[in-house]
Amino acid sequence: MGTTGSAAAGDRYVAVYDSAQFKALRRRSNTFIIWASVAFYGWWLLVIVLAAFVPDLLRQGLGGPMNVGLLCILLSLALVVAISVAALRFARTRLDPLSEQIRADLEGDPR
């Protein structure tokens, strides 16, 4: 029935998975994920270590109800937003063009 057609389609996907373009796409994606993770978890670990070993620093007042600990929390939020914006920009400029090219090659679109 449809087993030969699906086997041929499966072979196409295996060929795409093994292609240099797909490996480059995965490498670009994984590189960004690693750097974003290191930045976020590094900041998070720094704040946790400061809270554990230098709690008086985080209690230091900055004016009004604001202290260094609250500033660290606000900076964590800003870091999450910055990483999200960077991820969207990276995907739009570096990942999407390559993935569109891979998809066009797979589907046979003349682009």
Protein backbone atom coordinates (compact mmCIF):
# COMPACT_ATOMS: atom_id res chain seq x y z
CA MET A 1 0.00 0.00 0.00
CA GLY A 2 1.91 3.04 1.20
CA THR A 3 4.98 1.47 2.79
CA THR A 4 7.41 2.10 -0.06
CA GLY A 5 6.43 5.74 -0.26
CA SER A 6 6.81 6.22 3.48
CA ALA A 7 10.15 4.37 3.45
CA ALA A 8 11.42 6.67 0.71
CA ALA A 9 10.19 9.69 2.66
CA GLY A 10 11.89 8.33 5.77
CA ASP A 11 15.13 7.99 3.83
CA ARG A 12 14.83 11.63 2.78
CA TYR A 13 14.51 12.73 6.41
CA VAL A 14 17.48 10.61 7.44
CA ALA A 15 19.49 12.18 4.61
CA VAL A 16 18.49 15.67 5.79
CA TYR A 17 19.37 14.77 9.38
CA ASP A 18 22.83 13.63 8.25
CA SER A 19 23.40 16.64 5.98
CA ALA A 20 25.99 19.31 6.67
CA GLN A 21 23.33 22.04 6.64
CA PHE A 22 21.31 20.37 9.39
CA LYS A 23 24.44 19.78 11.46
CA ALA A 24 25.33 23.46 11.08
CA LEU A 25 21.81 24.43 12.17
CA ARG A 26 22.01 22.21 15.25
CA ARG A 27 25.50 23.51 16.07
CA ARG A 28 24.34 27.14 15.85
CA SER A 29 21.28 26.44 17.98
CA ASN A 30 23.18 24.48 20.61
CA THR A 31 25.93 27.10 20.83
CA PHE A 32 23.42 29.83 21.61
CA ILE A 33 21.61 27.63 24.12
CA ILE A 34 24.86 26.87 25.94
CA TRP A 35 25.93 30.52 26.14
CA ALA A 36 22.49 31.69 27.28
CA SER A 37 22.38 28.96 29.92
CA VAL A 38 25.85 29.81 31.19
CA ALA A 39 24.91 33.49 31.47
CA PHE A 40 21.64 32.86 33.30
CA TYR A 41 22.80 30.08 35.61
CA GLY A 42 26.07 31.90 36.31
CA TRP A 43 24.15 34.97 37.45
CA TRP A 44 21.72 32.83 39.45
CA LEU A 45 24.56 30.94 41.15
CA LEU A 46 26.36 34.20 41.95
CA VAL A 47 23.28 35.60 43.69
CA ILE A 48 22.73 32.35 45.62
CA VAL A 49 26.38 32.25 46.75
CA LEU A 50 26.22 35.92 47.81
CA ALA A 51 23.02 35.27 49.74
CA ALA A 52 24.57 32.28 51.48
CA PHE A 53 28.00 33.66 52.31
CA VAL A 54 27.63 37.46 52.32
CA PRO A 55 24.04 38.13 53.42
CA ASP A 56 24.92 41.57 54.77
CA LEU A 57 25.83 42.69 51.25
CA LEU A 58 22.37 41.82 49.97
CA ARG A 59 20.79 43.66 52.91
CA GLN A 60 22.71 46.84 52.10
CA GLY A 61 20.21 49.63 51.54
CA LEU A 62 20.22 51.63 48.33
CA GLY A 63 17.57 54.15 49.25
CA GLY A 64 13.98 53.81 50.32
CA PRO A 65 12.72 50.23 50.34
CA MET A 66 15.33 49.14 47.76
CA ASN A 67 18.32 47.04 48.78
CA VAL A 68 20.99 45.08 46.89
CA GLY A 69 18.99 41.83 47.12
CA LEU A 70 15.96 43.39 45.44
CA LEU A 71 18.22 44.94 42.83
CA CYS A 72 19.63 41.47 42.08
CA ILE A 73 16.10 40.13 41.59
CA LEU A 74 15.26 43.00 39.23
CA LEU A 75 18.49 42.41 37.33
CA SER A 76 17.56 38.72 37.04
CA LEU A 77 14.29 39.72 35.43
CA ALA A 78 16.14 42.07 33.07
CA LEU A 79 18.56 39.25 32.20
CA VAL A 80 15.68 36.92 31.34
CA VAL A 81 14.15 39.57 29.09
CA ALA A 82 17.52 40.30 27.45
CA ILE A 83 18.20 36.61 26.80
CA SER A 84 14.69 36.18 25.36
CA VAL A 85 15.14 39.14 23.02
CA ALA A 86 18.58 37.88 22.00
CA ALA A 87 17.18 34.38 21.37
CA LEU A 88 14.41 35.74 19.14
CA ARG A 89 16.84 37.91 17.20
CA PHE A 90 19.34 35.05 16.88
CA ALA A 91 16.65 32.69 15.63
CA ARG A 92 15.34 35.23 13.13
CA THR A 93 18.74 36.16 11.70
CA ARG A 94 20.84 32.99 12.04
CA LEU A 95 18.55 29.98 12.37
CA ASP A 96 15.47 30.78 10.29
CA PRO A 97 17.28 31.37 6.96
CA LEU A 98 19.13 28.07 7.24
CA SER A 99 16.04 26.15 8.34
CA GLU A 100 14.05 27.64 5.45
CA GLN A 101 16.77 26.51 3.06
CA ILE A 102 16.70 22.99 4.52
CA ARG A 103 12.90 22.89 4.32
CA ALA A 104 12.93 24.13 0.72
CA ASP A 105 15.48 21.47 -0.25
CA LEU A 106 13.42 18.79 1.49
CA GLU A 107 10.13 19.82 -0.10
CA GLY A 108 11.67 20.55 -3.48
CA ASP A 109 10.69 24.24 -3.58
CA PRO A 110 12.75 26.31 -6.03
CA ARG A 111 13.89 29.14 -3.74
